[in-house]
Amino acid sequence: MEQTEATVTASTVENANSLKRKSDDVGWEYGKLVDPNNKDRIMCNFCKNVNTGGINRFKKHIAQVGGGVAKCKSCPNEAKLACLAWLEGTEKKKHDKVARELGLRSDVNVSSSGQQEEDLTCAAVAFNAIENDEFKQMVEAIGQFGPGLKPPTQYELREPLLKAEYARTKSLLSDREAEKEKNGCSIMTDAWTDMKRRSIMNIVTHCAEGTSFIKSKDTSAISHTGEVIFELVDNAIEEVGAEHVVQVVTDNASNNMAAKALLLEKRPNIFWSSCATHTINLMLQGIDNIPRFKKIVDQAKGFTIFIYGHHRTLECMRSFTKKREIIRPGVTRFASQFLTLQSLLDKKDSLRKMVVDAKWENIKETSSKKGKEAYDTVLSVRFWNGVEICLKVFEPLVKLLRLVDGDVKPSMGFVYGELLKAKREIKEAFKNEELRYKEVIAIVEKKMRGRLDAPLHLTAYLLNPHYSYADSSIFDNADITTSLITCVEQFYHGCDEDIHDEVVNIEFTKFQRKQGLFGKKMAKNCVNFDYNPG
């Protein structure tokens, strides 16, 4: 084939009027597309005949071969030979492929033990792929079919099979699509860096039925400005349908806040909310950096690293804790720290017994500086008192983190109320002594301000019977009722003012007074925390 291409004159190639193509794909230089959007209709440069069967049929036209194909009588001999050689080469490749596959099948010789006698070439597939349920089903299906099963071609995998799987997957999301159309959805962004150091932006939708992936974009080559993020989000809104989008959720980076302003200008009825998970993590990070807490966390970290850094100390620990591990992974780094502190406290007695036992003393590494520090940490009363206070401070926020990071139920209606509860519990951990809790509460309030106490959060708090039906004074809070009006004005932006009036003065009044459907037993049961206020 390469030799054939060499025979094509430079002038023929230079004068070609065609699309960009692979350098080894002979034929395109002899014609041009009649319609740029239809690659099947190609006009011959020599006889001006229009072929409608795609590039392969066009090559047969030039080569003057094949039944039912109009032959070009005007093409130069070099063009004819080039296309003929390509067609013959392609036919030979098909023949060789069939012969090779038949050879592969004939080489299969399974012994009585069920093992292939010869080693197979590695295809760089991870070993854990064998645990995949779909792989097991595939093996079973092949076994049921018997010998002679032909695998799909690359084309079949790339085109019809992939399209069929896409259609099947989309059908599985029909419930989510219906929920989006009925009650709307949120557009959420997630920026991260992969193992190749590429900056990736994922965009998904979230509704009561779950989360659905929209697109992923490699943003390594572009600056993450507010304008860029706005464009990505705005395109996603267009794709989903602006009428189905209630809010956009991102983290608290300044570029996202710039995008927020641009979206509000173009789509004033769509809310832009800060990611609750990210905000709560910032609270935990801030508290973790307070010296008195950081010291305890660092001591716990140092002890854990020492234990897991040596085989003998790890074996010793497991023998005293009855093989229970210290390290416990959580949804985030700070949640993991909390769980590790909790795990240490649960094993306090076992760990204290361990470091005074002869088995510990007989381990060479325990006499090192790090070993002595681990010994001192576990026997320190101040350390364990510090662990307890850390847990009392972290636990309310970690509980909230689990709520907002899970998919059990929509969390918007609970975020603000549970934040208030967390603040109360943190104060109680310090026996309500302002001097002791002041620094922690200041961090919580700073991180939540403008992020988790926005009008949308306050309105969701107000309309959640779990809070407002249990404490009627919430209805008298001016900040909260003003937030309701703000949200109604934004959500119904551009609508008739009668709708605003109906929502605020009629529907909300019924909710407040528990009238109509709000007076039903089912509605009153929503005071229970486990109910979905939606």
Protein backbone atom coordinates (compact mmCIF):
# COMPACT_ATOMS: atom_id res chain seq x y z
CA MET A 1 0.00 0.00 0.00
CA GLU A 2 2.85 2.39 0.83
CA GLN A 3 4.44 1.61 -2.52
CA THR A 4 1.17 2.38 -4.27
CA GLU A 5 0.94 5.74 -2.56
CA ALA A 6 4.45 6.55 -3.69
CA THR A 7 3.27 6.29 -7.29
CA VAL A 8 0.74 9.05 -6.83
CA THR A 9 2.31 12.21 -8.25
CA ALA A 10 2.93 15.19 -6.03
CA SER A 11 0.87 17.39 -8.32
CA THR A 12 -2.17 15.13 -7.91
CA VAL A 13 -1.95 15.40 -4.14
CA GLU A 14 -1.31 19.14 -4.12
CA ASN A 15 -4.31 19.79 -6.35
CA ALA A 16 -6.65 17.62 -4.25
CA ASN A 17 -9.85 19.32 -3.18
CA SER A 18 -10.96 17.19 -0.24
CA LEU A 19 -11.32 16.83 3.52
CA LYS A 20 -8.42 16.31 5.91
CA ARG A 21 -7.72 12.57 6.16
CA LYS A 22 -5.21 9.92 7.20
CA SER A 23 -2.09 9.93 5.05
CA ASP A 24 -2.50 6.23 4.11
CA ASP A 25 -6.14 6.50 2.99
CA VAL A 26 -5.97 6.51 -0.80
CA GLY A 27 -8.87 7.86 -2.80
CA TRP A 28 -9.90 11.15 -1.24
CA GLU A 29 -7.49 13.10 -3.45
CA TYR A 30 -9.45 12.03 -6.53
CA GLY A 31 -12.77 13.52 -5.46
CA LYS A 32 -14.58 15.99 -3.28
CA LEU A 33 -17.69 15.92 -1.12
CA VAL A 34 -20.85 17.29 -2.69
CA ASP A 35 -22.15 18.06 0.81
CA PRO A 36 -19.63 18.60 3.68
CA ASN A 37 -22.13 17.02 6.08
CA ASN A 38 -22.58 13.86 3.98
CA LYS A 39 -19.46 11.73 3.42
CA ASP A 40 -21.34 9.26 1.21
CA ARG A 41 -21.76 11.61 -1.78
CA ILE A 42 -18.40 12.11 -3.54
CA MET A 43 -17.86 13.76 -6.94
CA CYS A 44 -15.08 12.35 -9.11
CA ASN A 45 -12.50 14.97 -10.14
CA PHE A 46 -12.01 13.25 -13.50
CA CYS A 47 -15.46 12.34 -14.88
CA LYS A 48 -17.60 14.52 -12.54
CA ASN A 49 -19.74 11.49 -11.73
CA VAL A 50 -21.36 11.63 -8.24
CA ASN A 51 -20.98 8.39 -6.26
CA THR A 52 -23.40 7.82 -3.38
CA GLY A 53 -21.89 4.77 -1.68
CA GLY A 54 -19.11 6.28 0.41
CA ILE A 55 -15.32 6.19 0.02
CA ASN A 56 -14.99 2.41 -0.61
CA ARG A 57 -17.45 2.47 -3.49
CA PHE A 58 -15.72 5.59 -4.85
CA LYS A 59 -12.38 3.74 -4.88
CA LYS A 60 -13.99 0.95 -6.91
CA HIS A 61 -15.24 3.64 -9.32
CA ILE A 62 -11.67 4.88 -9.80
CA ALA A 63 -10.20 1.33 -9.95
CA GLN A 64 -12.91 0.31 -12.43
CA VAL A 65 -13.85 -2.86 -10.53
CA GLY A 66 -16.91 -4.25 -8.76
CA GLY A 67 -20.39 -5.05 -9.89
CA GLY A 68 -23.03 -2.33 -9.94
CA VAL A 69 -20.42 0.43 -9.78
CA ALA A 70 -20.07 3.05 -12.51
CA LYS A 71 -16.52 2.90 -13.92
CA CYS A 72 -14.47 6.07 -14.40
CA LYS A 73 -13.21 6.26 -17.99
CA SER A 74 -11.28 9.50 -17.50
CA CYS A 75 -8.96 8.78 -14.57
CA PRO A 76 -5.19 8.50 -15.11
CA ASN A 77 -3.59 5.09 -14.84
CA GLU A 78 -1.69 5.93 -11.63
CA ALA A 79 -4.98 6.76 -9.84
CA LYS A 80 -6.54 3.52 -11.03
CA LEU A 81 -3.54 1.46 -9.88
CA ALA A 82 -3.41 3.24 -6.49
CA CYS A 83 -7.06 2.48 -5.69
CA LEU A 84 -6.81 -1.05 -7.08
CA ALA A 85 -3.79 -1.78 -4.89
CA TRP A 86 -5.62 -0.37 -1.85
CA LEU A 87 -8.69 -2.52 -2.50
CA GLU A 88 -6.60 -5.64 -3.01
CA GLY A 89 -4.64 -4.88 0.16
CA THR A 90 -7.85 -4.43 2.12
CA GLU A 91 -9.24 -7.72 0.81
CA LYS A 92 -6.01 -9.47 1.76
CA LYS A 93 -6.20 -8.02 5.30
CA LYS A 94 -9.74 -9.37 5.68
CA HIS A 95 -8.63 -12.80 4.46
CA ASP A 96 -5.59 -12.82 6.76
CA LYS A 97 -7.72 -11.79 9.73
CA VAL A 98 -10.18 -14.64 9.18
CA ALA A 99 -7.30 -17.09 8.79
CA ARG A 100 -5.65 -15.82 11.98
CA GLU A 101 -8.89 -16.13 13.99
CA LEU A 102 -9.38 -19.69 12.73
CA GLY A 103 -5.80 -20.42 13.75
CA LEU A 104 -6.37 -18.95 17.22
CA ARG A 105 -9.44 -21.12 17.71
CA SER A 106 -7.65 -24.26 16.53
CA ASP A 107 -4.84 -23.55 18.99
CA VAL A 108 -7.25 -23.64 21.96
CA ASN A 109 -6.61 -26.85 23.88
CA VAL A 110 -8.17 -26.99 27.32
CA SER A 111 -6.81 -29.74 29.56
CA SER A 112 -8.94 -31.91 31.82
CA SER A 113 -8.15 -29.56 34.70
CA GLY A 114 -9.85 -26.76 32.80
CA GLN A 115 -6.62 -24.81 32.27
CA GLN A 116 -5.24 -23.50 28.95
CA GLU A 117 -2.02 -25.42 28.32
CA GLU A 118 -0.07 -22.49 26.84
CA ASP A 119 0.55 -19.08 28.38
CA LEU A 120 -1.50 -16.26 26.89
CA THR A 121 -0.17 -12.82 25.97
CA CYS A 122 -0.93 -10.21 28.64
CA ALA A 123 -3.36 -7.48 27.50
CA ALA A 124 -2.69 -5.14 30.46
CA VAL A 125 -6.09 -5.88 32.05
CA ALA A 126 -6.11 -5.46 35.83
CA PHE A 127 -6.35 -8.73 37.79
CA ASN A 128 -9.34 -7.48 39.78
CA ALA A 129 -11.37 -7.37 36.55
CA ILE A 130 -12.05 -11.05 37.18
CA GLU A 131 -14.22 -10.05 40.15
CA ASN A 132 -16.48 -7.97 37.92
CA ASP A 133 -20.00 -9.44 37.77
CA GLU A 134 -20.32 -8.56 34.09
CA PHE A 135 -17.13 -10.50 33.35
CA LYS A 136 -18.55 -13.58 35.08
CA GLN A 137 -21.80 -13.23 33.14
CA MET A 138 -19.83 -12.92 29.90
CA VAL A 139 -17.89 -16.14 30.63
CA GLU A 140 -21.15 -17.95 31.41
CA ALA A 141 -22.75 -16.68 28.20
CA ILE A 142 -19.76 -17.83 26.13
CA GLY A 143 -19.90 -21.24 27.78
CA GLN A 144 -23.61 -21.59 27.04
CA PHE A 145 -23.08 -20.63 23.39
CA GLY A 146 -20.42 -23.23 22.81
CA PRO A 147 -17.55 -23.26 20.28
CA GLY A 148 -17.45 -20.93 17.30
CA LEU A 149 -18.65 -17.72 18.97
CA LYS A 150 -17.38 -14.70 17.05
CA PRO A 151 -16.53 -11.62 19.16
CA PRO A 152 -17.84 -8.22 18.03
CA THR A 153 -15.67 -6.15 15.72
CA GLN A 154 -14.15 -2.83 16.74
CA TYR A 155 -16.72 -1.09 14.56
CA GLU A 156 -19.58 -2.92 16.28
CA LEU A 157 -18.21 -1.95 19.70
CA ARG A 158 -17.65 1.68 18.71
CA GLU A 159 -20.90 2.22 16.82
CA PRO A 160 -24.06 0.05 17.08
CA LEU A 161 -23.27 -1.68 20.39
CA LEU A 162 -22.12 1.52 22.08
CA LYS A 163 -25.19 3.39 20.82
CA ALA A 164 -27.46 0.58 22.00
CA GLU A 165 -25.84 0.60 25.46
CA TYR A 166 -26.18 4.38 25.60
CA ALA A 167 -29.88 4.09 24.77
CA ARG A 168 -30.33 1.35 27.40
CA THR A 169 -28.56 3.39 30.06
CA LYS A 170 -30.62 6.45 29.20
CA SER A 171 -33.81 4.43 29.58
CA LEU A 172 -32.71 3.50 33.11
CA LEU A 173 -32.65 7.21 33.94
CA SER A 174 -36.24 7.80 32.85
CA ASP A 175 -37.43 8.21 36.46
CA ARG A 176 -34.84 10.95 37.00
CA GLU A 177 -35.83 12.68 33.79
CA ALA A 178 -39.47 12.65 34.88
CA GLU A 179 -38.51 14.06 38.29
CA LYS A 180 -36.50 16.85 36.64
CA GLU A 181 -39.48 17.85 34.53
CA LYS A 182 -41.84 17.74 37.52
CA ASN A 183 -39.85 19.35 40.33
CA GLY A 184 -36.63 20.55 38.70
CA CYS A 185 -33.02 19.72 39.46
CA SER A 186 -29.66 21.15 40.49
CA ILE A 187 -26.60 21.50 38.26
CA MET A 188 -23.45 20.61 40.22
CA THR A 189 -19.79 21.09 39.27
CA ASP A 190 -16.78 19.20 40.57
CA ALA A 191 -13.24 20.27 39.66
CA TRP A 192 -10.43 17.81 40.35
CA THR A 193 -7.01 16.69 39.14
CA ASP A 194 -6.43 13.16 37.83
CA MET A 195 -3.31 10.97 38.16
CA LYS A 196 -1.86 12.53 35.00
CA ARG A 197 -2.16 16.00 36.58
CA ARG A 198 -4.92 16.99 34.18
CA SER A 199 -7.51 19.44 35.44
CA ILE A 200 -10.96 17.92 34.95
CA MET A 201 -14.36 19.59 35.37
CA ASN A 202 -17.30 17.22 35.90
CA ILE A 203 -20.86 18.49 35.54
CA VAL A 204 -23.82 16.49 36.86
CA THR A 205 -27.49 16.97 37.64
CA HIS A 206 -29.09 16.08 40.95
CA CYS A 207 -32.77 15.61 41.76
CA ALA A 208 -34.83 13.65 44.29
CA GLU A 209 -34.33 10.48 42.23
CA GLY A 210 -30.53 10.71 42.28
CA THR A 211 -27.50 12.09 40.44
CA SER A 212 -26.89 11.86 36.67
CA PHE A 213 -23.66 12.59 34.81
CA ILE A 214 -23.83 15.22 32.04
CA LYS A 215 -20.30 15.79 30.82
CA SER A 216 -16.62 15.92 31.73
CA LYS A 217 -14.23 18.50 30.29
CA ASP A 218 -10.44 18.67 30.35
CA THR A 219 -9.72 22.25 31.40
CA SER A 220 -5.93 21.89 31.74
CA ALA A 221 -5.20 24.26 28.86
CA ILE A 222 -7.53 27.05 29.92
CA SER A 223 -7.61 29.43 32.85
CA HIS A 224 -10.40 28.69 35.32
CA THR A 225 -11.87 32.18 35.20
CA GLY A 226 -15.40 33.08 36.20
CA GLU A 227 -16.27 33.53 32.53
CA VAL A 228 -15.06 30.02 31.64
CA ILE A 229 -16.97 28.38 34.49
CA PHE A 230 -20.08 30.41 33.66
CA GLU A 231 -19.93 29.23 30.05
CA LEU A 232 -19.59 25.57 31.09
CA VAL A 233 -22.50 25.83 33.52
CA ASP A 234 -24.66 27.85 31.14
CA ASN A 235 -24.15 25.29 28.37
CA ALA A 236 -25.17 22.53 30.80
CA ILE A 237 -28.32 24.47 31.69
CA GLU A 238 -29.15 24.76 27.99
CA GLU A 239 -28.61 21.03 27.57
CA VAL A 240 -30.86 20.11 30.50
CA GLY A 241 -33.40 22.84 29.78
CA ALA A 242 -33.40 26.09 31.75
CA GLU A 243 -37.03 25.52 32.76
CA HIS A 244 -35.94 22.37 34.65
CA VAL A 245 -33.01 23.89 36.59
CA VAL A 246 -33.65 25.34 40.05
CA GLN A 247 -30.11 25.94 41.26
CA VAL A 248 -26.40 25.58 40.52
CA VAL A 249 -24.10 24.18 43.21
CA THR A 250 -20.33 24.80 43.26
CA ASP A 251 -17.57 25.18 45.83
CA ASN A 252 -16.67 28.56 47.31
CA ALA A 253 -13.71 29.53 45.12
CA SER A 254 -13.64 33.18 44.01
CA ASN A 255 -13.90 32.23 40.32
CA ASN A 256 -17.14 30.40 41.06
CA MET A 257 -18.49 33.48 42.79
CA ALA A 258 -17.65 35.51 39.67
CA ALA A 259 -19.54 32.96 37.57
CA LYS A 260 -22.45 33.27 39.99
CA ALA A 261 -22.78 36.99 39.22
CA LEU A 262 -22.76 36.31 35.47
CA LEU A 263 -25.44 33.63 35.79
CA LEU A 264 -27.66 35.84 37.93
CA GLU A 265 -27.47 38.50 35.24
CA LYS A 266 -28.48 36.11 32.45
CA ARG A 267 -30.81 33.78 34.38
CA PRO A 268 -32.14 35.72 37.38
CA ASN A 269 -34.57 32.98 38.41
CA ILE A 270 -31.89 30.29 38.98
CA PHE A 271 -30.25 30.09 42.42
CA TRP A 272 -26.52 29.62 42.91
CA SER A 273 -25.61 27.78 46.12
CA SER A 274 -22.31 26.96 47.78
CA CYS A 275 -21.48 23.27 48.19
CA ALA A 276 -22.41 22.35 51.77
CA THR A 277 -19.85 19.52 51.91
CA HIS A 278 -17.04 21.87 50.90
CA THR A 279 -18.16 24.54 53.39
CA ILE A 280 -18.37 22.11 56.32
CA ASN A 281 -14.93 20.78 55.42
CA LEU A 282 -13.63 24.34 55.61
CA MET A 283 -15.13 24.60 59.12
CA LEU A 284 -13.42 21.37 60.20
CA GLN A 285 -10.16 22.53 58.63
CA GLY A 286 -10.34 25.85 60.46
CA ILE A 287 -11.01 24.17 63.80
CA ASP A 288 -8.29 21.60 63.12
CA ASN A 289 -5.78 24.46 62.77
CA ILE A 290 -6.50 25.83 66.26
CA PRO A 291 -3.31 24.99 68.23
CA ARG A 292 -5.00 23.13 71.10
CA PHE A 293 -6.81 20.81 68.66
CA LYS A 294 -3.95 20.56 66.18
CA LYS A 295 -1.63 19.30 68.91
CA ILE A 296 -3.98 16.44 69.80
CA VAL A 297 -4.57 15.51 66.15
CA ASP A 298 -0.82 15.57 65.44
CA GLN A 299 -0.12 13.35 68.46
CA ALA A 300 -2.78 10.87 67.33
CA LYS A 301 -1.40 10.97 63.80
CA GLY A 302 2.18 10.42 65.03
CA PHE A 303 1.14 7.43 67.14
CA THR A 304 -0.84 5.87 64.28
CA ILE A 305 1.96 6.37 61.75
CA PHE A 306 4.44 4.73 64.12
CA ILE A 307 2.17 1.72 64.71
CA TYR A 308 1.44 1.16 61.03
CA GLY A 309 5.02 1.93 59.98
CA HIS A 310 6.49 -1.30 61.44
CA HIS A 311 5.34 -4.87 61.02
CA ARG A 312 6.02 -5.88 64.63
CA THR A 313 4.28 -2.88 66.22
CA LEU A 314 1.28 -3.42 63.93
CA GLU A 315 1.12 -7.11 64.87
CA CYS A 316 1.42 -6.18 68.54
CA MET A 317 -1.40 -3.64 68.28
CA ARG A 318 -3.67 -6.13 66.54
CA SER A 319 -3.04 -8.75 69.21
CA PHE A 320 -4.15 -6.34 71.95
CA THR A 321 -7.14 -4.89 70.03
CA LYS A 322 -8.29 -8.34 68.83
CA LYS A 323 -7.44 -7.43 65.22
CA ARG A 324 -9.47 -4.24 65.25
CA GLU A 325 -7.82 -1.48 63.19
CA ILE A 326 -7.17 2.10 64.31
CA ILE A 327 -7.37 3.73 60.89
CA ARG A 328 -10.90 4.21 59.64
CA PRO A 329 -11.47 5.97 56.30
CA GLY A 330 -14.17 8.64 56.05
CA VAL A 331 -15.80 10.64 53.28
CA THR A 332 -13.14 13.38 53.64
CA ARG A 333 -9.74 13.86 55.26
CA PHE A 334 -11.21 15.62 58.28
CA ALA A 335 -13.94 13.01 58.69
CA SER A 336 -11.17 10.37 58.62
CA GLN A 337 -9.33 12.23 61.39
CA PHE A 338 -12.50 12.25 63.49
CA LEU A 339 -13.07 8.53 62.95
CA THR A 340 -9.44 7.75 63.82
CA LEU A 341 -9.69 9.75 67.06
CA GLN A 342 -12.94 7.93 67.85
CA SER A 343 -11.28 4.59 67.11
CA LEU A 344 -8.33 5.43 69.36
CA LEU A 345 -10.66 6.36 72.23
CA ASP A 346 -12.60 3.11 71.80
CA LYS A 347 -9.31 1.17 72.17
CA LYS A 348 -7.85 3.36 74.92
CA ASP A 349 -7.59 0.62 77.55
CA SER A 350 -6.15 -1.94 75.12
CA LEU A 351 -3.52 0.52 73.85
CA ARG A 352 -2.48 1.56 77.36
CA LYS A 353 -2.03 -2.10 78.32
CA MET A 354 -0.04 -2.72 75.16
CA VAL A 355 2.70 -0.13 75.76
CA VAL A 356 3.44 -1.38 79.29
CA ASP A 357 3.54 -5.03 78.25
CA ALA A 358 6.78 -6.95 77.78
CA LYS A 359 5.80 -7.73 74.20
CA TRP A 360 5.98 -4.01 73.39
CA GLU A 361 9.31 -3.56 75.17
CA ASN A 362 10.83 -6.44 73.20
CA ILE A 363 10.20 -4.67 69.90
CA LYS A 364 13.39 -2.92 68.79
CA GLU A 365 11.61 0.08 67.21
CA THR A 366 9.87 1.05 70.48
CA SER A 367 13.18 2.24 71.94
CA SER A 368 13.58 4.86 69.17
CA LYS A 369 12.58 8.51 69.58
CA LYS A 370 9.29 7.94 67.74
CA GLY A 371 8.66 4.83 69.83
CA LYS A 372 9.11 6.75 73.08
CA GLU A 373 6.82 9.50 71.82
CA ALA A 374 4.16 6.89 71.03
CA TYR A 375 4.58 5.46 74.54
CA ASP A 376 4.24 8.90 76.16
CA THR A 377 1.19 9.77 74.04
CA VAL A 378 -0.80 6.67 75.00
CA LEU A 379 -0.07 7.07 78.72
CA SER A 380 -0.80 10.83 78.74
CA VAL A 381 -4.00 11.75 80.61
CA ARG A 382 -3.94 15.18 78.94
CA PHE A 383 -3.87 13.53 75.50
CA TRP A 384 -6.97 11.43 76.19
CA ASN A 385 -8.81 14.40 77.67
CA GLY A 386 -7.91 16.30 74.51
CA VAL A 387 -9.22 13.47 72.32
CA GLU A 388 -12.56 13.59 74.13
CA ILE A 389 -12.99 17.35 73.70
CA CYS A 390 -11.94 17.10 70.03
CA LEU A 391 -14.61 14.49 69.42
CA LYS A 392 -17.27 16.58 71.15
CA VAL A 393 -16.39 19.56 68.94
CA PHE A 394 -15.97 17.65 65.67
CA GLU A 395 -18.88 15.22 66.02
CA PRO A 396 -21.79 17.66 65.40
CA LEU A 397 -20.14 18.88 62.18
CA VAL A 398 -19.19 15.37 61.03
CA LYS A 399 -22.82 14.30 61.49
CA LEU A 400 -23.90 17.21 59.33
CA LEU A 401 -21.21 16.29 56.79
CA ARG A 402 -22.66 12.79 56.53
CA LEU A 403 -26.14 14.25 56.01
CA VAL A 404 -25.19 16.60 53.17
CA ASP A 405 -22.75 14.17 51.52
CA GLY A 406 -25.19 11.27 51.44
CA ASP A 407 -28.00 10.39 49.05
CA VAL A 408 -30.52 9.18 51.63
CA LYS A 409 -32.71 12.27 51.31
CA PRO A 410 -32.50 15.87 50.04
CA SER A 411 -30.53 17.81 52.66
CA MET A 412 -31.36 21.44 51.77
CA GLY A 413 -34.26 21.54 54.25
CA PHE A 414 -31.99 20.42 57.10
CA VAL A 415 -28.69 22.25 56.54
CA TYR A 416 -29.44 25.48 58.42
CA GLY A 417 -31.38 23.79 61.23
CA GLU A 418 -28.66 21.20 61.84
CA LEU A 419 -26.01 23.92 61.77
CA LEU A 420 -27.84 25.72 64.58
CA LYS A 421 -27.99 22.42 66.46
CA ALA A 422 -24.27 21.82 65.88
CA LYS A 423 -23.43 25.25 67.29
CA ARG A 424 -25.49 24.50 70.41
CA GLU A 425 -23.75 21.15 70.92
CA ILE A 426 -20.31 22.71 70.48
CA LYS A 427 -21.12 25.30 73.13
CA GLU A 428 -22.34 22.54 75.46
CA ALA A 429 -19.04 20.69 74.93
CA PHE A 430 -17.36 23.72 76.53
CA LYS A 431 -20.05 23.89 79.25
CA ASN A 432 -21.42 27.04 77.59
CA GLU A 433 -18.38 29.04 78.66
CA GLU A 434 -18.00 31.71 75.97
CA LEU A 435 -14.30 32.19 76.51
CA ARG A 436 -13.70 28.51 75.65
CA TYR A 437 -16.08 28.11 72.68
CA LYS A 438 -15.73 31.60 71.18
CA GLU A 439 -12.89 30.76 68.76
CA VAL A 440 -14.59 27.62 67.43
CA ILE A 441 -18.01 29.23 66.94
CA ALA A 442 -16.36 32.21 65.20
CA ILE A 443 -14.90 29.82 62.59
CA VAL A 444 -18.24 28.07 62.04
CA GLU A 445 -20.10 31.36 61.62
CA LYS A 446 -17.46 32.83 59.32
CA LYS A 447 -17.56 29.84 56.97
CA MET A 448 -21.36 29.59 56.91
CA ARG A 449 -21.95 33.31 56.37
CA GLY A 450 -23.25 33.93 52.86
CA ARG A 451 -22.87 30.23 52.04
CA LEU A 452 -25.12 28.12 54.27
CA ASP A 453 -27.32 30.92 55.61
CA ALA A 454 -28.41 32.25 52.22
CA PRO A 455 -32.11 33.05 51.61
CA LEU A 456 -32.61 29.62 50.01
CA HIS A 457 -31.29 27.80 53.12
CA LEU A 458 -33.38 29.94 55.48
CA THR A 459 -36.49 29.40 53.37
CA ALA A 460 -35.92 25.63 53.31
CA TYR A 461 -35.48 25.75 57.10
CA LEU A 462 -38.74 27.68 57.46
CA LEU A 463 -40.69 25.31 55.21
CA ASN A 464 -39.44 22.19 56.99
CA PRO A 465 -42.10 21.14 59.55
CA HIS A 466 -39.41 19.38 61.57
CA TYR A 467 -38.27 22.83 62.69
CA SER A 468 -41.08 25.34 62.14
CA TYR A 469 -43.92 23.14 63.45
CA ALA A 470 -41.82 22.28 66.51
CA ASP A 471 -40.90 25.95 67.16
CA SER A 472 -43.53 28.46 66.01
CA SER A 473 -41.24 31.40 66.86
CA ILE A 474 -39.44 30.68 63.58
CA PHE A 475 -42.44 32.19 61.76
CA ASP A 476 -41.84 35.46 63.63
CA ASN A 477 -38.17 35.75 62.69
CA ALA A 478 -37.89 38.74 60.34
CA ASP A 479 -34.68 37.53 58.66
CA ILE A 480 -36.23 34.16 57.86
CA THR A 481 -39.56 35.48 56.54
CA THR A 482 -37.72 38.09 54.47
CA SER A 483 -35.67 35.26 52.97
CA LEU A 484 -38.92 33.55 51.93
CA ILE A 485 -40.03 36.67 50.07
CA THR A 486 -36.60 36.99 48.42
CA CYS A 487 -36.73 33.39 47.20
CA VAL A 488 -40.28 33.73 45.89
CA GLU A 489 -39.30 36.87 43.96
CA GLN A 490 -36.28 35.14 42.45
CA PHE A 491 -37.96 31.82 41.66
CA TYR A 492 -40.94 33.55 40.02
CA HIS A 493 -38.85 36.29 38.43
CA GLY A 494 -40.75 37.90 35.58
CA CYS A 495 -44.04 36.26 36.57
CA ASP A 496 -47.25 38.07 37.40
CA GLU A 497 -47.27 39.58 40.90
CA ASP A 498 -50.48 37.68 41.64
CA ILE A 499 -48.37 34.51 41.81
CA HIS A 500 -46.09 36.12 44.41
CA ASP A 501 -49.13 37.15 46.41
CA GLU A 502 -50.67 33.67 46.24
CA VAL A 503 -47.50 31.94 47.42
CA VAL A 504 -46.64 34.32 50.28
CA ASN A 505 -50.06 35.43 51.52
CA ILE A 506 -52.24 32.40 50.77
CA GLU A 507 -50.22 29.17 50.44
CA PHE A 508 -47.65 30.06 53.10
CA THR A 509 -50.40 31.16 55.50
CA LYS A 510 -52.06 27.75 55.07
CA PHE A 511 -48.74 26.08 55.84
CA GLN A 512 -48.16 28.25 58.93
CA ARG A 513 -51.68 27.64 60.29
CA LYS A 514 -51.67 23.95 59.30
CA GLN A 515 -54.75 24.38 57.14
CA GLY A 516 -55.95 22.27 54.22
CA LEU A 517 -53.48 19.53 53.28
CA PHE A 518 -51.03 20.91 55.84
CA GLY A 519 -53.50 19.97 58.55
CA LYS A 520 -53.57 16.30 57.57
CA LYS A 521 -52.00 13.73 59.86
CA MET A 522 -49.42 12.85 57.19
CA ALA A 523 -48.23 16.46 57.04
CA LYS A 524 -48.00 16.72 60.81
CA ASN A 525 -45.90 13.54 60.86
CA CYS A 526 -43.25 15.43 58.89
CA VAL A 527 -42.11 16.87 62.22
CA ASN A 528 -40.20 13.59 62.44
CA PHE A 529 -36.57 14.09 61.32
CA ASP A 530 -36.66 10.97 59.15
CA TYR A 531 -39.39 12.39 56.89
CA ASN A 532 -38.55 14.16 53.66
CA PRO A 533 -40.05 17.68 53.92
CA GLY A 534 -40.31 17.82 50.12
